[in-house]
Amino acid sequence: MTTKIAVSLPDEQVRAAKRAVSQGAAASVSALVSDALADKLQRDSLAAIVADLLADHGSPSEADYAWARGALGL
């Protein structure tokens, strides 16, 4: 289900959104805004998870970072 709403955006964002649609980077302005909002909500959720982990376990040690760099092949 979808609900139609009205939002106000700065003119430059509207122009950029319409340009993205005309260039085929987005199916519609609504789809672009919906995707951007979904991304923002996911980042906020992940940030909350990280904050909880830091509160519960503290910051990673240098050894933790070294392990992660090795695991990632960096």
PDB file of N, CA and C in Angstrom:
ATOM      1  N   MET A   1       0.840  -1.177   0.000  1.00  0.00           N
ATOM      2  CA  MET A   1       0.000   0.000   0.000  1.00  0.00           C
ATOM      3  C   MET A   1       0.883   1.238   0.000  1.00  0.00           C
ATOM      4  N   THR A   2       0.472   2.251  -0.699  1.00  0.00           N
ATOM      5  CA  THR A   2       1.174   3.531  -0.696  1.00  0.00           C
ATOM      6  C   THR A   2       0.185   4.632  -0.351  1.00  0.00           C
ATOM      7  N   THR A   3       0.726   5.692   0.203  1.00  0.00           N
ATOM      8  CA  THR A   3      -0.072   6.859   0.553  1.00  0.00           C
ATOM      9  C   THR A   3       0.541   8.070  -0.118  1.00  0.00           C
ATOM     10  N   LYS A   4      -0.277   8.840  -0.770  1.00  0.00           N
ATOM     11  CA  LYS A   4       0.195  10.047  -1.429  1.00  0.00           C
ATOM     12  C   LYS A   4       0.240  11.177  -0.409  1.00  0.00           C
ATOM     13  N   ILE A   5       1.397  11.867  -0.341  1.00  0.00           N
ATOM     14  CA  ILE A   5       1.561  13.010   0.551  1.00  0.00           C
ATOM     15  C   ILE A   5       2.202  14.149  -0.233  1.00  0.00           C
ATOM     16  N   ALA A   6       2.196  15.315   0.344  1.00  0.00           N
ATOM     17  CA  ALA A   6       2.876  16.467  -0.257  1.00  0.00           C
ATOM     18  C   ALA A   6       4.049  16.838   0.636  1.00  0.00           C
ATOM     19  N   VAL A   7       5.187  17.108   0.006  1.00  0.00           N
ATOM     20  CA  VAL A   7       6.362  17.566   0.740  1.00  0.00           C
ATOM     21  C   VAL A   7       6.921  18.791   0.041  1.00  0.00           C
ATOM     22  N   SER A   8       7.615  19.611   0.778  1.00  0.00           N
ATOM     23  CA  SER A   8       8.283  20.777   0.211  1.00  0.00           C
ATOM     24  C   SER A   8       9.779  20.493   0.158  1.00  0.00           C
ATOM     25  N   LEU A   9      10.380  20.771  -0.998  1.00  0.00           N
ATOM     26  CA  LEU A   9      11.806  20.555  -1.190  1.00  0.00           C
ATOM     27  C   LEU A   9      12.427  21.816  -1.769  1.00  0.00           C
ATOM     28  N   PRO A  10      13.712  22.029  -1.488  1.00  0.00           N
ATOM     29  CA  PRO A  10      14.398  23.149  -2.131  1.00  0.00           C
ATOM     30  C   PRO A  10      14.390  22.972  -3.652  1.00  0.00           C
ATOM     31  N   ASP A  11      14.325  24.090  -4.362  1.00  0.00           N
ATOM     32  CA  ASP A  11      14.244  24.050  -5.824  1.00  0.00           C
ATOM     33  C   ASP A  11      15.353  23.209  -6.441  1.00  0.00           C
ATOM     34  N   GLU A  12      16.575  23.329  -5.935  1.00  0.00           N
ATOM     35  CA  GLU A  12      17.698  22.576  -6.514  1.00  0.00           C
ATOM     36  C   GLU A  12      17.488  21.074  -6.360  1.00  0.00           C
ATOM     37  N   GLN A  13      16.926  20.633  -5.245  1.00  0.00           N
ATOM     38  CA  GLN A  13      16.656  19.203  -5.075  1.00  0.00           C
ATOM     39  C   GLN A  13      15.587  18.726  -6.051  1.00  0.00           C
ATOM     40  N   VAL A  14      14.592  19.553  -6.290  1.00  0.00           N
ATOM     41  CA  VAL A  14      13.542  19.191  -7.260  1.00  0.00           C
ATOM     42  C   VAL A  14      14.152  19.078  -8.651  1.00  0.00           C
ATOM     43  N   ARG A  15      14.990  20.053  -9.015  1.00  0.00           N
ATOM     44  CA  ARG A  15      15.633  19.996 -10.333  1.00  0.00           C
ATOM     45  C   ARG A  15      16.513  18.751 -10.453  1.00  0.00           C
ATOM     46  N   ALA A  16      17.263  18.453  -9.409  1.00  0.00           N
ATOM     47  CA  ALA A  16      18.135  17.277  -9.440  1.00  0.00           C
ATOM     48  C   ALA A  16      17.320  15.992  -9.535  1.00  0.00           C
ATOM     49  N   ALA A  17      16.213  15.929  -8.827  1.00  0.00           N
ATOM     50  CA  ALA A  17      15.360  14.735  -8.874  1.00  0.00           C
ATOM     51  C   ALA A  17      14.771  14.550 -10.271  1.00  0.00           C
ATOM     52  N   LYS A  18      14.282  15.623 -10.864  1.00  0.00           N
ATOM     53  CA  LYS A  18      13.717  15.539 -12.216  1.00  0.00           C
ATOM     54  C   LYS A  18      14.797  15.172 -13.232  1.00  0.00           C
ATOM     55  N   ARG A  19      16.005  15.690 -13.030  1.00  0.00           N
ATOM     56  CA  ARG A  19      17.120  15.358 -13.918  1.00  0.00           C
ATOM     57  C   ARG A  19      17.450  13.867 -13.797  1.00  0.00           C
ATOM     58  N   ALA A  20      17.449  13.335 -12.586  1.00  0.00           N
ATOM     59  CA  ALA A  20      17.715  11.906 -12.379  1.00  0.00           C
ATOM     60  C   ALA A  20      16.687  11.054 -13.112  1.00  0.00           C
ATOM     61  N   VAL A  21      15.437  11.468 -13.060  1.00  0.00           N
ATOM     62  CA  VAL A  21      14.379  10.728 -13.763  1.00  0.00           C
ATOM     63  C   VAL A  21      14.593  10.817 -15.270  1.00  0.00           C
ATOM     64  N   SER A  22      14.878  12.017 -15.769  1.00  0.00           N
ATOM     65  CA  SER A  22      15.048  12.180 -17.220  1.00  0.00           C
ATOM     66  C   SER A  22      16.270  11.426 -17.742  1.00  0.00           C
ATOM     67  N   GLN A  23      17.269  11.213 -16.887  1.00  0.00           N
ATOM     68  CA  GLN A  23      18.480  10.489 -17.284  1.00  0.00           C
ATOM     69  C   GLN A  23      18.350   8.982 -17.031  1.00  0.00           C
ATOM     70  N   GLY A  24      17.200   8.572 -16.514  1.00  0.00           N
ATOM     71  CA  GLY A  24      16.974   7.159 -16.287  1.00  0.00           C
ATOM     72  C   GLY A  24      17.568   6.614 -15.002  1.00  0.00           C
ATOM     73  N   ALA A  25      18.058   7.490 -14.134  1.00  0.00           N
ATOM     74  CA  ALA A  25      18.648   7.049 -12.864  1.00  0.00           C
ATOM     75  C   ALA A  25      17.587   6.717 -11.823  1.00  0.00           C
ATOM     76  N   ALA A  26      16.360   7.134 -12.063  1.00  0.00           N
ATOM     77  CA  ALA A  26      15.239   6.845 -11.160  1.00  0.00           C
ATOM     78  C   ALA A  26      13.987   6.692 -12.007  1.00  0.00           C
ATOM     79  N   ALA A  27      13.099   5.833 -11.539  1.00  0.00           N
ATOM     80  CA  ALA A  27      11.854   5.594 -12.277  1.00  0.00           C
ATOM     81  C   ALA A  27      10.922   6.791 -12.209  1.00  0.00           C
ATOM     82  N   SER A  28      10.942   7.484 -11.088  1.00  0.00           N
ATOM     83  CA  SER A  28      10.090   8.656 -10.880  1.00  0.00           C
ATOM     84  C   SER A  28      10.651   9.451  -9.716  1.00  0.00           C
ATOM     85  N   VAL A  29      10.186  10.681  -9.572  1.00  0.00           N
ATOM     86  CA  VAL A  29      10.598  11.488  -8.425  1.00  0.00           C
ATOM     87  C   VAL A  29      10.143  10.797  -7.137  1.00  0.00           C
ATOM     88  N   SER A  30       8.935  10.270  -7.141  1.00  0.00           N
ATOM     89  CA  SER A  30       8.438   9.567  -5.951  1.00  0.00           C
ATOM     90  C   SER A  30       9.322   8.380  -5.597  1.00  0.00           C
ATOM     91  N   ALA A  31       9.744   7.612  -6.608  1.00  0.00           N
ATOM     92  CA  ALA A  31      10.607   6.463  -6.347  1.00  0.00           C
ATOM     93  C   ALA A  31      11.953   6.904  -5.795  1.00  0.00           C
ATOM     94  N   LEU A  32      12.501   7.989  -6.330  1.00  0.00           N
ATOM     95  CA  LEU A  32      13.779   8.506  -5.856  1.00  0.00           C
ATOM     96  C   LEU A  32      13.673   8.941  -4.397  1.00  0.00           C
ATOM     97  N   VAL A  33      12.626   9.684  -4.066  1.00  0.00           N
ATOM     98  CA  VAL A  33      12.428  10.142  -2.691  1.00  0.00           C
ATOM     99  C   VAL A  33      12.199   8.951  -1.761  1.00  0.00           C
ATOM    100  N   SER A  34      11.423   7.984  -2.198  1.00  0.00           N
ATOM    101  CA  SER A  34      11.166   6.797  -1.385  1.00  0.00           C
ATOM    102  C   SER A  34      12.455   6.027  -1.112  1.00  0.00           C
ATOM    103  N   ASP A  35      13.279   5.843  -2.149  1.00  0.00           N
ATOM    104  CA  ASP A  35      14.555   5.144  -1.972  1.00  0.00           C
ATOM    105  C   ASP A  35      15.472   5.900  -1.025  1.00  0.00           C
ATOM    106  N   ALA A  36      15.524   7.224  -1.175  1.00  0.00           N
ATOM    107  CA  ALA A  36      16.383   8.042  -0.312  1.00  0.00           C
ATOM    108  C   ALA A  36      15.926   7.960   1.140  1.00  0.00           C
ATOM    109  N   LEU A  37      14.628   7.987   1.368  1.00  0.00           N
ATOM    110  CA  LEU A  37      14.106   7.888   2.725  1.00  0.00           C
ATOM    111  C   LEU A  37      14.398   6.512   3.316  1.00  0.00           C
ATOM    112  N   ALA A  38      14.234   5.461   2.521  1.00  0.00           N
ATOM    113  CA  ALA A  38      14.532   4.108   2.996  1.00  0.00           C
ATOM    114  C   ALA A  38      16.003   3.989   3.381  1.00  0.00           C
ATOM    115  N   ASP A  39      16.899   4.555   2.557  1.00  0.00           N
ATOM    116  CA  ASP A  39      18.328   4.537   2.876  1.00  0.00           C
ATOM    117  C   ASP A  39      18.611   5.275   4.180  1.00  0.00           C
ATOM    118  N   LYS A  40      17.999   6.437   4.354  1.00  0.00           N
ATOM    119  CA  LYS A  40      18.204   7.239   5.571  1.00  0.00           C
ATOM    120  C   LYS A  40      17.731   6.485   6.805  1.00  0.00           C
ATOM    121  N   LEU A  41      16.561   5.870   6.713  1.00  0.00           N
ATOM    122  CA  LEU A  41      16.029   5.131   7.853  1.00  0.00           C
ATOM    123  C   LEU A  41      16.916   3.930   8.190  1.00  0.00           C
ATOM    124  N   GLN A  42      17.462   3.271   7.172  1.00  0.00           N
ATOM    125  CA  GLN A  42      18.347   2.136   7.416  1.00  0.00           C
ATOM    126  C   GLN A  42      19.645   2.602   8.076  1.00  0.00           C
ATOM    127  N   ARG A  43      20.222   3.715   7.590  1.00  0.00           N
ATOM    128  CA  ARG A  43      21.447   4.244   8.203  1.00  0.00           C
ATOM    129  C   ARG A  43      21.198   4.619   9.654  1.00  0.00           C
ATOM    130  N   ASP A  44      20.064   5.255   9.929  1.00  0.00           N
ATOM    131  CA  ASP A  44      19.739   5.628  11.303  1.00  0.00           C
ATOM    132  C   ASP A  44      19.620   4.393  12.185  1.00  0.00           C
ATOM    133  N   SER A  45      18.997   3.345  11.651  1.00  0.00           N
ATOM    134  CA  SER A  45      18.848   2.103  12.404  1.00  0.00           C
ATOM    135  C   SER A  45      20.210   1.479  12.686  1.00  0.00           C
ATOM    136  N   LEU A  46      21.072   1.441  11.682  1.00  0.00           N
ATOM    137  CA  LEU A  46      22.411   0.890  11.874  1.00  0.00           C
ATOM    138  C   LEU A  46      23.220   1.731  12.855  1.00  0.00           C
ATOM    139  N   ALA A  47      23.064   3.036  12.798  1.00  0.00           N
ATOM    140  CA  ALA A  47      23.772   3.915  13.730  1.00  0.00           C
ATOM    141  C   ALA A  47      23.323   3.647  15.160  1.00  0.00           C
ATOM    142  N   ALA A  48      22.042   3.381  15.349  1.00  0.00           N
ATOM    143  CA  ALA A  48      21.527   3.069  16.685  1.00  0.00           C
ATOM    144  C   ALA A  48      22.100   1.745  17.183  1.00  0.00           C
ATOM    145  N   ILE A  49      22.226   0.774  16.285  1.00  0.00           N
ATOM    146  CA  ILE A  49      22.802  -0.517  16.670  1.00  0.00           C
ATOM    147  C   ILE A  49      24.261  -0.338  17.092  1.00  0.00           C
ATOM    148  N   VAL A  50      25.014   0.421  16.313  1.00  0.00           N
ATOM    149  CA  VAL A  50      26.421   0.674  16.649  1.00  0.00           C
ATOM    150  C   VAL A  50      26.523   1.409  17.990  1.00  0.00           C
ATOM    151  N   ALA A  51      25.673   2.401  18.206  1.00  0.00           N
ATOM    152  CA  ALA A  51      25.691   3.138  19.473  1.00  0.00           C
ATOM    153  C   ALA A  51      25.417   2.196  20.644  1.00  0.00           C
ATOM    154  N   ASP A  52      24.458   1.289  20.480  1.00  0.00           N
ATOM    155  CA  ASP A  52      24.162   0.314  21.537  1.00  0.00           C
ATOM    156  C   ASP A  52      25.353  -0.603  21.788  1.00  0.00           C
ATOM    157  N   LEU A  53      25.987  -1.069  20.719  1.00  0.00           N
ATOM    158  CA  LEU A  53      27.160  -1.935  20.878  1.00  0.00           C
ATOM    159  C   LEU A  53      28.289  -1.213  21.600  1.00  0.00           C
ATOM    160  N   LEU A  54      28.528   0.049  21.216  1.00  0.00           N
ATOM    161  CA  LEU A  54      29.573   0.827  21.886  1.00  0.00           C
ATOM    162  C   LEU A  54      29.240   1.050  23.359  1.00  0.00           C
ATOM    163  N   ALA A  55      27.981   1.314  23.654  1.00  0.00           N
ATOM    164  CA  ALA A  55      27.572   1.523  25.038  1.00  0.00           C
ATOM    165  C   ALA A  55      27.747   0.243  25.856  1.00  0.00           C
ATOM    166  N   ASP A  56      27.435  -0.891  25.254  1.00  0.00           N
ATOM    167  CA  ASP A  56      27.521  -2.169  25.964  1.00  0.00           C
ATOM    168  C   ASP A  56      28.938  -2.713  26.064  1.00  0.00           C
ATOM    169  N   HIS A  57      29.750  -2.493  25.021  1.00  0.00           N
ATOM    170  CA  HIS A  57      31.050  -3.162  24.948  1.00  0.00           C
ATOM    171  C   HIS A  57      32.247  -2.218  24.844  1.00  0.00           C
ATOM    172  N   GLY A  58      32.004  -0.936  24.702  1.00  0.00           N
ATOM    173  CA  GLY A  58      33.090   0.020  24.563  1.00  0.00           C
ATOM    174  C   GLY A  58      33.629   0.045  23.139  1.00  0.00           C
ATOM    175  N   SER A  59      34.588   0.917  22.929  1.00  0.00           N
ATOM    176  CA  SER A  59      35.197   1.067  21.607  1.00  0.00           C
ATOM    177  C   SER A  59      36.094  -0.119  21.295  1.00  0.00           C
ATOM    178  N   PRO A  60      36.225  -0.470  20.014  1.00  0.00           N
ATOM    179  CA  PRO A  60      37.128  -1.551  19.636  1.00  0.00           C
ATOM    180  C   PRO A  60      38.577  -1.193  19.971  1.00  0.00           C
ATOM    181  N   SER A  61      39.353  -2.191  20.317  1.00  0.00           N
ATOM    182  CA  SER A  61      40.769  -1.975  20.607  1.00  0.00           C
ATOM    183  C   SER A  61      41.553  -1.935  19.299  1.00  0.00           C
ATOM    184  N   GLU A  62      42.807  -1.539  19.398  1.00  0.00           N
ATOM    185  CA  GLU A  62      43.665  -1.554  18.202  1.00  0.00           C
ATOM    186  C   GLU A  62      43.800  -2.977  17.680  1.00  0.00           C
ATOM    187  N   ALA A  63      43.820  -3.959  18.573  1.00  0.00           N
ATOM    188  CA  ALA A  63      43.889  -5.366  18.145  1.00  0.00           C
ATOM    189  C   ALA A  63      42.638  -5.748  17.366  1.00  0.00           C
ATOM    190  N   ASP A  64      41.492  -5.240  17.795  1.00  0.00           N
ATOM    191  CA  ASP A  64      40.249  -5.499  17.063  1.00  0.00           C
ATOM    192  C   ASP A  64      40.324  -4.918  15.657  1.00  0.00           C
ATOM    193  N   TYR A  65      40.826  -3.687  15.553  1.00  0.00           N
ATOM    194  CA  TYR A  65      40.963  -3.050  14.245  1.00  0.00           C
ATOM    195  C   TYR A  65      41.956  -3.814  13.367  1.00  0.00           C
ATOM    196  N   ALA A  66      43.064  -4.262  13.966  1.00  0.00           N
ATOM    197  CA  ALA A  66      44.058  -5.019  13.201  1.00  0.00           C
ATOM    198  C   ALA A  66      43.444  -6.308  12.679  1.00  0.00           C
ATOM    199  N   TRP A  67      42.661  -6.990  13.518  1.00  0.00           N
ATOM    200  CA  TRP A  67      41.992  -8.213  13.074  1.00  0.00           C
ATOM    201  C   TRP A  67      41.057  -7.917  11.908  1.00  0.00           C
ATOM    202  N   ALA A  68      40.273  -6.849  12.031  1.00  0.00           N
ATOM    203  CA  ALA A  68      39.312  -6.490  10.987  1.00  0.00           C
ATOM    204  C   ALA A  68      40.029  -6.165   9.682  1.00  0.00           C
ATOM    205  N   ARG A  69      41.132  -5.408   9.762  1.00  0.00           N
ATOM    206  CA  ARG A  69      41.890  -5.079   8.550  1.00  0.00           C
ATOM    207  C   ARG A  69      42.403  -6.365   7.889  1.00  0.00           C
ATOM    208  N   GLY A  70      42.886  -7.293   8.697  1.00  0.00           N
ATOM    209  CA  GLY A  70      43.354  -8.564   8.140  1.00  0.00           C
ATOM    210  C   GLY A  70      42.226  -9.365   7.525  1.00  0.00           C
ATOM    211  N   ALA A  71      41.083  -9.412   8.202  1.00  0.00           N
ATOM    212  CA  ALA A  71      39.941 -10.167   7.694  1.00  0.00           C
ATOM    213  C   ALA A  71      39.438  -9.580   6.385  1.00  0.00           C
ATOM    214  N   LEU A  72      39.558  -8.267   6.240  1.00  0.00           N
ATOM    215  CA  LEU A  72      39.102  -7.595   5.017  1.00  0.00           C
ATOM    216  C   LEU A  72      40.185  -7.528   3.944  1.00  0.00           C
ATOM    217  N   GLY A  73      41.369  -8.002   4.288  1.00  0.00           N
ATOM    218  CA  GLY A  73      42.471  -7.980   3.329  1.00  0.00           C
ATOM    219  C   GLY A  73      43.010  -6.600   3.052  1.00  0.00           C
ATOM    220  N   LEU A  74      42.959  -5.749   4.062  1.00  0.00           N
ATOM    221  CA  LEU A  74      43.453  -4.369   3.892  1.00  0.00           C
ATOM    222  C   LEU A  74      44.859  -4.206   4.429  1.00  0.00           C
TER     223      LEU A  74
END
